Amino acid sequence: MSANLDIIKLSNAQIAWRAAQDIEDGAYVNLGIGFPEMVAKFQPEGREAVFHTENGVLGFGPAPAPGDEDWDLINAGKKAITLKPGSAFFHHADSFAMVRGGHLDVAILGAYQVAQNGDLANWSTGKGGVPAVGGAMDLVHGAKRVAVITDHVTKKGDPKLVQACTMPLTGVGCVTRVYTSLAVVDVEGGHFVLREKLPQISFADLQAVTGGELNTDGPVADLAVPEL
């Protein structure tokens, strides 16, 4: 491979920034625990998403300054949050009724694997794995659009975009777009369709670290992000 992935790949913050650019103004959004929570930091100027968390808050704001936390106000990842004007609290069951009722516009989740038909695996019962799927199974089938943010490969260098998932499935055919450390890839008609890639990596090198076949249906744009 001609490109050194560790040198050219995007940081987690840059991946989160790119995903945030596609969130529509006024969209109701759920962010997965961990890395996806970072997306909330990068809302584009002039747009405002309404963030939902499974434990029962709608319309929460950014994290408080260190020392100003109110630990009665947390998100599903047990991280401190602030409240915006109009924020609402509700029962856990009502929160999932919102999810299952199709009231969320976007869910942005992490992943272990995404298959070329849109299957998602983002939980594991193995060593070091989260011992439960949490609300992800509800989110992937309740949200109108499901996006994934992830490194393009595992720490061992194995592809995370694959022909078929080998890990426990969170959802079947649910992912529509993947934002990785190297590219932006859509899932359409059971195929990966490359939309953007880092200019430093060739199509051939990108395909070499992708488990499923990458397709194109027009020009592939450069994946351009700010320094963060």
C-alpha atoms as a PDB file:
ATOM      1  CA  MET A   1       0.000   0.000   0.000  1.00  0.00           C
ATOM      2  CA  SER A   2       1.362   3.392  -1.005  1.00  0.00           C
ATOM      3  CA  ALA A   3      -0.346   5.359   1.796  1.00  0.00           C
ATOM      4  CA  ASN A   4       0.478   5.129   5.508  1.00  0.00           C
ATOM      5  CA  LEU A   5      -2.982   5.019   7.091  1.00  0.00           C
ATOM      6  CA  ASP A   6      -1.817   6.097  10.545  1.00  0.00           C
ATOM      7  CA  ILE A   7      -0.385   9.303   9.064  1.00  0.00           C
ATOM      8  CA  ILE A   8      -3.205  10.291   6.711  1.00  0.00           C
ATOM      9  CA  LYS A   9      -6.336   9.085   8.501  1.00  0.00           C
ATOM     10  CA  LEU A  10      -8.772  11.488  10.147  1.00  0.00           C
ATOM     11  CA  SER A  11      -8.970  11.883  13.907  1.00  0.00           C
ATOM     12  CA  ASN A  12     -12.159  10.970  15.736  1.00  0.00           C
ATOM     13  CA  ALA A  13     -12.970  14.673  16.043  1.00  0.00           C
ATOM     14  CA  GLN A  14     -12.638  15.147  12.293  1.00  0.00           C
ATOM     15  CA  ILE A  15     -14.875  12.162  11.564  1.00  0.00           C
ATOM     16  CA  ALA A  16     -17.460  13.543  13.997  1.00  0.00           C
ATOM     17  CA  TRP A  17     -17.211  16.986  12.359  1.00  0.00           C
ATOM     18  CA  ARG A  18     -17.894  15.509   8.929  1.00  0.00           C
ATOM     19  CA  ALA A  19     -20.924  13.590  10.169  1.00  0.00           C
ATOM     20  CA  ALA A  20     -22.317  16.714  11.845  1.00  0.00           C
ATOM     21  CA  GLN A  21     -22.369  18.579   8.529  1.00  0.00           C
ATOM     22  CA  ASP A  22     -25.140  16.311   7.236  1.00  0.00           C
ATOM     23  CA  ILE A  23     -27.543  16.857  10.145  1.00  0.00           C
ATOM     24  CA  GLU A  24     -30.445  19.009   9.016  1.00  0.00           C
ATOM     25  CA  ASP A  25     -31.550  22.080  10.942  1.00  0.00           C
ATOM     26  CA  GLY A  26     -34.168  21.105  13.517  1.00  0.00           C
ATOM     27  CA  ALA A  27     -33.525  17.373  13.183  1.00  0.00           C
ATOM     28  CA  TYR A  28     -34.245  15.125  16.161  1.00  0.00           C
ATOM     29  CA  VAL A  29     -31.013  13.204  16.713  1.00  0.00           C
ATOM     30  CA  ASN A  30     -29.818  10.383  18.942  1.00  0.00           C
ATOM     31  CA  LEU A  31     -26.071   9.934  19.341  1.00  0.00           C
ATOM     32  CA  GLY A  32     -24.659   6.579  20.408  1.00  0.00           C
ATOM     33  CA  ILE A  33     -22.661   6.229  23.601  1.00  0.00           C
ATOM     34  CA  GLY A  34     -18.968   7.069  23.369  1.00  0.00           C
ATOM     35  CA  PHE A  35     -17.388   8.354  20.169  1.00  0.00           C
ATOM     36  CA  PRO A  36     -20.706   9.383  18.496  1.00  0.00           C
ATOM     37  CA  GLU A  37     -21.444  11.789  21.370  1.00  0.00           C
ATOM     38  CA  MET A  38     -18.671  13.978  19.933  1.00  0.00           C
ATOM     39  CA  VAL A  39     -20.868  14.872  16.936  1.00  0.00           C
ATOM     40  CA  ALA A  40     -22.855  17.289  19.127  1.00  0.00           C
ATOM     41  CA  LYS A  41     -19.808  19.595  19.379  1.00  0.00           C
ATOM     42  CA  PHE A  42     -19.746  20.329  15.668  1.00  0.00           C
ATOM     43  CA  GLN A  43     -23.179  21.617  14.663  1.00  0.00           C
ATOM     44  CA  PRO A  44     -22.777  23.887  11.621  1.00  0.00           C
ATOM     45  CA  GLU A  45     -23.330  27.615  12.030  1.00  0.00           C
ATOM     46  CA  GLY A  46     -26.995  28.504  11.619  1.00  0.00           C
ATOM     47  CA  ARG A  47     -28.241  24.973  12.274  1.00  0.00           C
ATOM     48  CA  GLU A  48     -29.430  23.435  15.512  1.00  0.00           C
ATOM     49  CA  ALA A  49     -30.246  19.799  16.140  1.00  0.00           C
ATOM     50  CA  VAL A  50     -32.509  18.625  18.958  1.00  0.00           C
ATOM     51  CA  PHE A  51     -30.659  15.868  20.778  1.00  0.00           C
ATOM     52  CA  HIS A  52     -32.473  12.936  22.364  1.00  0.00           C
ATOM     53  CA  THR A  53     -31.082  10.516  24.919  1.00  0.00           C
ATOM     54  CA  GLU A  54     -32.620   7.166  25.833  1.00  0.00           C
ATOM     55  CA  ASN A  55     -32.644   7.871  29.557  1.00  0.00           C
ATOM     56  CA  GLY A  56     -35.272  10.564  29.035  1.00  0.00           C
ATOM     57  CA  VAL A  57     -34.057  14.008  27.981  1.00  0.00           C
ATOM     58  CA  LEU A  58     -34.881  15.931  24.814  1.00  0.00           C
ATOM     59  CA  GLY A  59     -33.139  19.131  23.765  1.00  0.00           C
ATOM     60  CA  PHE A  60     -30.082  18.980  26.027  1.00  0.00           C
ATOM     61  CA  GLY A  61     -27.068  21.204  25.525  1.00  0.00           C
ATOM     62  CA  PRO A  62     -23.285  20.819  25.635  1.00  0.00           C
ATOM     63  CA  ALA A  63     -21.266  19.393  28.473  1.00  0.00           C
ATOM     64  CA  PRO A  64     -20.829  21.757  31.436  1.00  0.00           C
ATOM     65  CA  ALA A  65     -17.483  23.212  32.353  1.00  0.00           C
ATOM     66  CA  PRO A  66     -15.413  21.017  34.690  1.00  0.00           C
ATOM     67  CA  GLY A  67     -16.618  21.565  38.225  1.00  0.00           C
ATOM     68  CA  ASP A  68     -20.070  22.781  37.131  1.00  0.00           C
ATOM     69  CA  GLU A  69     -21.581  19.326  36.623  1.00  0.00           C
ATOM     70  CA  ASP A  70     -24.998  18.523  38.047  1.00  0.00           C
ATOM     71  CA  TRP A  71     -24.908  14.739  38.221  1.00  0.00           C
ATOM     72  CA  ASP A  72     -28.700  14.551  38.195  1.00  0.00           C
ATOM     73  CA  LEU A  73     -28.381  15.714  34.562  1.00  0.00           C
ATOM     74  CA  ILE A  74     -26.699  13.016  32.473  1.00  0.00           C
ATOM     75  CA  ASN A  75     -27.077  11.376  29.089  1.00  0.00           C
ATOM     76  CA  ALA A  76     -27.332   7.655  28.373  1.00  0.00           C
ATOM     77  CA  GLY A  77     -23.547   7.403  28.527  1.00  0.00           C
ATOM     78  CA  LYS A  78     -23.619   8.785  32.104  1.00  0.00           C
ATOM     79  CA  LYS A  79     -21.884  11.989  31.015  1.00  0.00           C
ATOM     80  CA  ALA A  80     -22.915  15.349  32.418  1.00  0.00           C
ATOM     81  CA  ILE A  81     -25.088  17.554  30.192  1.00  0.00           C
ATOM     82  CA  THR A  82     -26.650  20.998  30.325  1.00  0.00           C
ATOM     83  CA  LEU A  83     -30.193  21.974  29.418  1.00  0.00           C
ATOM     84  CA  LYS A  84     -31.376  24.315  26.681  1.00  0.00           C
ATOM     85  CA  PRO A  85     -34.566  26.398  26.882  1.00  0.00           C
ATOM     86  CA  GLY A  86     -37.463  24.057  26.125  1.00  0.00           C
ATOM     87  CA  SER A  87     -35.663  20.900  27.230  1.00  0.00           C
ATOM     88  CA  ALA A  88     -37.960  18.129  28.431  1.00  0.00           C
ATOM     89  CA  PHE A  89     -37.695  15.154  30.793  1.00  0.00           C
ATOM     90  CA  PHE A  90     -39.762  12.009  30.432  1.00  0.00           C
ATOM     91  CA  HIS A  91     -40.038   8.398  31.510  1.00  0.00           C
ATOM     92  CA  HIS A  92     -37.624   5.844  30.066  1.00  0.00           C
ATOM     93  CA  ALA A  93     -40.563   4.021  28.474  1.00  0.00           C
ATOM     94  CA  ASP A  94     -41.736   7.241  26.817  1.00  0.00           C
ATOM     95  CA  SER A  95     -38.234   7.792  25.492  1.00  0.00           C
ATOM     96  CA  PHE A  96     -38.305   4.428  23.760  1.00  0.00           C
ATOM     97  CA  ALA A  97     -41.818   5.097  22.519  1.00  0.00           C
ATOM     98  CA  MET A  98     -40.341   8.106  20.693  1.00  0.00           C
ATOM     99  CA  VAL A  99     -37.664   5.862  19.182  1.00  0.00           C
ATOM    100  CA  ARG A 100     -39.994   3.016  18.211  1.00  0.00           C
ATOM    101  CA  GLY A 101     -42.643   5.427  16.969  1.00  0.00           C
ATOM    102  CA  GLY A 102     -40.351   6.784  14.265  1.00  0.00           C
ATOM    103  CA  HIS A 103     -39.955  10.254  15.758  1.00  0.00           C
ATOM    104  CA  LEU A 104     -36.172  10.453  15.418  1.00  0.00           C
ATOM    105  CA  ASP A 105     -34.732  11.795  12.185  1.00  0.00           C
ATOM    106  CA  VAL A 106     -31.195  10.516  12.657  1.00  0.00           C
ATOM    107  CA  ALA A 107     -29.303   8.010  14.790  1.00  0.00           C
ATOM    108  CA  ILE A 108     -25.503   8.153  14.668  1.00  0.00           C
ATOM    109  CA  LEU A 109     -23.790   5.085  16.095  1.00  0.00           C
ATOM    110  CA  GLY A 110     -20.394   3.456  16.339  1.00  0.00           C
ATOM    111  CA  ALA A 111     -19.644   0.072  14.815  1.00  0.00           C
ATOM    112  CA  TYR A 112     -17.493  -3.001  14.921  1.00  0.00           C
ATOM    113  CA  GLN A 113     -18.628  -3.967  11.416  1.00  0.00           C
ATOM    114  CA  VAL A 114     -20.900  -2.641   8.670  1.00  0.00           C
ATOM    115  CA  ALA A 115     -21.862  -4.984   5.834  1.00  0.00           C
ATOM    116  CA  GLN A 116     -22.364  -3.891   2.252  1.00  0.00           C
ATOM    117  CA  ASN A 117     -26.104  -4.609   2.555  1.00  0.00           C
ATOM    118  CA  GLY A 118     -26.367  -2.224   5.534  1.00  0.00           C
ATOM    119  CA  ASP A 119     -26.248  -4.780   8.349  1.00  0.00           C
ATOM    120  CA  LEU A 120     -24.717  -3.367  11.534  1.00  0.00           C
ATOM    121  CA  ALA A 121     -22.749  -5.080  14.307  1.00  0.00           C
ATOM    122  CA  ASN A 122     -21.913  -2.706  17.146  1.00  0.00           C
ATOM    123  CA  TRP A 123     -21.998  -4.839  20.277  1.00  0.00           C
ATOM    124  CA  SER A 124     -20.180  -7.897  21.545  1.00  0.00           C
ATOM    125  CA  THR A 125     -20.316 -10.274  24.479  1.00  0.00           C
ATOM    126  CA  GLY A 126     -16.655 -11.181  24.063  1.00  0.00           C
ATOM    127  CA  LYS A 127     -13.753 -10.162  26.281  1.00  0.00           C
ATOM    128  CA  GLY A 128     -13.865  -6.401  26.811  1.00  0.00           C
ATOM    129  CA  GLY A 129     -17.170  -6.121  24.972  1.00  0.00           C
ATOM    130  CA  VAL A 130     -20.249  -4.313  26.209  1.00  0.00           C
ATOM    131  CA  PRO A 131     -22.386  -7.110  27.711  1.00  0.00           C
ATOM    132  CA  ALA A 132     -25.647  -5.837  26.229  1.00  0.00           C
ATOM    133  CA  VAL A 133     -26.860  -4.086  23.097  1.00  0.00           C
ATOM    134  CA  GLY A 134     -28.589  -1.278  24.990  1.00  0.00           C
ATOM    135  CA  GLY A 135     -31.004   0.821  22.938  1.00  0.00           C
ATOM    136  CA  ALA A 136     -29.193   0.359  19.621  1.00  0.00           C
ATOM    137  CA  MET A 137     -31.575  -2.314  18.299  1.00  0.00           C
ATOM    138  CA  ASP A 138     -34.474   0.067  18.803  1.00  0.00           C
ATOM    139  CA  LEU A 139     -32.609   3.021  17.338  1.00  0.00           C
ATOM    140  CA  VAL A 140     -31.539   1.336  14.112  1.00  0.00           C
ATOM    141  CA  HIS A 141     -35.114   0.397  13.280  1.00  0.00           C
ATOM    142  CA  GLY A 142     -36.867   3.456  14.687  1.00  0.00           C
ATOM    143  CA  ALA A 143     -34.782   6.327  13.300  1.00  0.00           C
ATOM    144  CA  LYS A 144     -35.506   7.562   9.800  1.00  0.00           C
ATOM    145  CA  ARG A 145     -31.796   7.585   8.942  1.00  0.00           C
ATOM    146  CA  VAL A 146     -28.983   5.564  10.519  1.00  0.00           C
ATOM    147  CA  ALA A 147     -25.388   6.669  10.074  1.00  0.00           C
ATOM    148  CA  VAL A 148     -22.203   5.141  11.443  1.00  0.00           C
ATOM    149  CA  ILE A 149     -18.944   6.834  12.426  1.00  0.00           C
ATOM    150  CA  THR A 150     -15.904   4.609  12.767  1.00  0.00           C
ATOM    151  CA  ASP A 151     -12.276   4.055  11.950  1.00  0.00           C
ATOM    152  CA  HIS A 152     -11.977   2.395   8.537  1.00  0.00           C
ATOM    153  CA  VAL A 153     -10.040  -0.551   9.965  1.00  0.00           C
ATOM    154  CA  THR A 154      -9.623  -2.246  13.322  1.00  0.00           C
ATOM    155  CA  LYS A 155      -6.547  -1.804  15.514  1.00  0.00           C
ATOM    156  CA  LYS A 156      -5.220  -4.966  13.873  1.00  0.00           C
ATOM    157  CA  GLY A 157      -5.790  -3.498  10.404  1.00  0.00           C
ATOM    158  CA  ASP A 158      -8.793  -5.642   9.496  1.00  0.00           C
ATOM    159  CA  PRO A 159     -11.611  -4.022   7.478  1.00  0.00           C
ATOM    160  CA  LYS A 160     -14.646  -2.769   9.377  1.00  0.00           C
ATOM    161  CA  LEU A 161     -16.622  -2.380   6.131  1.00  0.00           C
ATOM    162  CA  VAL A 162     -17.206  -5.991   5.138  1.00  0.00           C
ATOM    163  CA  GLN A 163     -19.117  -8.221   2.743  1.00  0.00           C
ATOM    164  CA  ALA A 164     -21.040  -9.782   5.634  1.00  0.00           C
ATOM    165  CA  CYS A 165     -20.882  -9.220   9.385  1.00  0.00           C
ATOM    166  CA  THR A 166     -19.341 -11.994  11.445  1.00  0.00           C
ATOM    167  CA  MET A 167     -20.227 -10.451  14.817  1.00  0.00           C
ATOM    168  CA  PRO A 168     -23.666 -10.331  16.513  1.00  0.00           C
ATOM    169  CA  LEU A 169     -26.032  -8.135  14.517  1.00  0.00           C
ATOM    170  CA  THR A 170     -27.607  -5.008  15.920  1.00  0.00           C
ATOM    171  CA  GLY A 171     -29.812  -4.524  12.889  1.00  0.00           C
ATOM    172  CA  VAL A 172     -30.375  -5.832   9.368  1.00  0.00           C
ATOM    173  CA  GLY A 173     -30.120  -3.549   6.358  1.00  0.00           C
ATOM    174  CA  CYS A 174     -30.351  -0.443   8.538  1.00  0.00           C
ATOM    175  CA  VAL A 175     -27.241   1.656   7.802  1.00  0.00           C
ATOM    176  CA  THR A 176     -27.456   4.238   5.032  1.00  0.00           C
ATOM    177  CA  ARG A 177     -24.131   6.077   5.352  1.00  0.00           C
ATOM    178  CA  VAL A 178     -20.739   5.404   6.958  1.00  0.00           C
ATOM    179  CA  TYR A 179     -18.258   8.132   7.893  1.00  0.00           C
ATOM    180  CA  THR A 180     -14.825   6.609   8.350  1.00  0.00           C
ATOM    181  CA  SER A 181     -11.293   7.829   8.954  1.00  0.00           C
ATOM    182  CA  LEU A 182     -10.634   7.510   5.204  1.00  0.00           C
ATOM    183  CA  ALA A 183     -13.918   7.957   3.346  1.00  0.00           C
ATOM    184  CA  VAL A 184     -17.641   8.623   3.244  1.00  0.00           C
ATOM    185  CA  VAL A 185     -19.506   5.587   1.950  1.00  0.00           C
ATOM    186  CA  ASP A 186     -23.207   5.162   1.249  1.00  0.00           C
ATOM    187  CA  VAL A 187     -25.089   1.857   1.351  1.00  0.00           C
ATOM    188  CA  GLU A 188     -27.386   1.615  -1.645  1.00  0.00           C
ATOM    189  CA  GLY A 189     -29.025  -1.439  -3.191  1.00  0.00           C
ATOM    190  CA  GLY A 190     -26.890  -3.846  -1.192  1.00  0.00           C
ATOM    191  CA  HIS A 191     -23.622  -2.200  -2.212  1.00  0.00           C
ATOM    192  CA  PHE A 192     -21.033   0.223  -0.861  1.00  0.00           C
ATOM    193  CA  VAL A 193     -21.020   3.427  -2.944  1.00  0.00           C
ATOM    194  CA  LEU A 194     -18.005   5.666  -2.423  1.00  0.00           C
ATOM    195  CA  ARG A 195     -18.932   9.357  -2.114  1.00  0.00           C
ATOM    196  CA  GLU A 196     -15.779  10.961  -0.673  1.00  0.00           C
ATOM    197  CA  LYS A 197     -12.252   9.829   0.100  1.00  0.00           C
ATOM    198  CA  LEU A 198      -9.089  11.416   1.415  1.00  0.00           C
ATOM    199  CA  PRO A 199      -7.100  12.695  -1.571  1.00  0.00           C
ATOM    200  CA  GLN A 200      -3.940  11.117  -0.120  1.00  0.00           C
ATOM    201  CA  ILE A 201      -5.252   7.577  -0.686  1.00  0.00           C
ATOM    202  CA  SER A 202      -5.888   5.990  -4.058  1.00  0.00           C
ATOM    203  CA  PHE A 203      -9.070   4.125  -4.878  1.00  0.00           C
ATOM    204  CA  ALA A 204      -7.057   0.904  -5.124  1.00  0.00           C
ATOM    205  CA  ASP A 205      -5.489   1.385  -1.686  1.00  0.00           C
ATOM    206  CA  LEU A 206      -8.863   2.221  -0.176  1.00  0.00           C
ATOM    207  CA  GLN A 207     -10.368  -0.908  -1.712  1.00  0.00           C
ATOM    208  CA  ALA A 208      -7.502  -2.939  -0.251  1.00  0.00           C
ATOM    209  CA  VAL A 209      -8.579  -2.023   3.292  1.00  0.00           C
ATOM    210  CA  THR A 210     -12.307  -2.446   2.593  1.00  0.00           C
ATOM    211  CA  GLY A 211     -13.869  -5.881   2.945  1.00  0.00           C
ATOM    212  CA  GLY A 212     -16.758  -5.293   0.541  1.00  0.00           C
ATOM    213  CA  GLU A 213     -16.561  -4.001  -3.006  1.00  0.00           C
ATOM    214  CA  LEU A 214     -16.510  -0.222  -3.375  1.00  0.00           C
ATOM    215  CA  ASN A 215     -18.670   1.089  -6.196  1.00  0.00           C
ATOM    216  CA  THR A 216     -18.989   4.530  -7.757  1.00  0.00           C
ATOM    217  CA  ASP A 217     -21.845   6.106  -9.689  1.00  0.00           C
ATOM    218  CA  GLY A 218     -20.150   9.381 -10.518  1.00  0.00           C
ATOM    219  CA  PRO A 219     -17.215  11.566  -9.441  1.00  0.00           C
ATOM    220  CA  VAL A 220     -15.799  10.873  -5.989  1.00  0.00           C
ATOM    221  CA  ALA A 221     -15.307  14.071  -4.003  1.00  0.00           C
ATOM    222  CA  ASP A 222     -12.313  14.818  -1.800  1.00  0.00           C
ATOM    223  CA  LEU A 223     -12.992  14.273   1.896  1.00  0.00           C
ATOM    224  CA  ALA A 224     -12.045  17.685   3.261  1.00  0.00           C
ATOM    225  CA  VAL A 225     -12.197  18.514   6.969  1.00  0.00           C
ATOM    226  CA  PRO A 226     -10.675  21.245   9.145  1.00  0.00           C
ATOM    227  CA  GLU A 227      -7.747  20.747  11.493  1.00  0.00           C
ATOM    228  CA  LEU A 228      -9.258  19.975  14.882  1.00  0.00           C
END
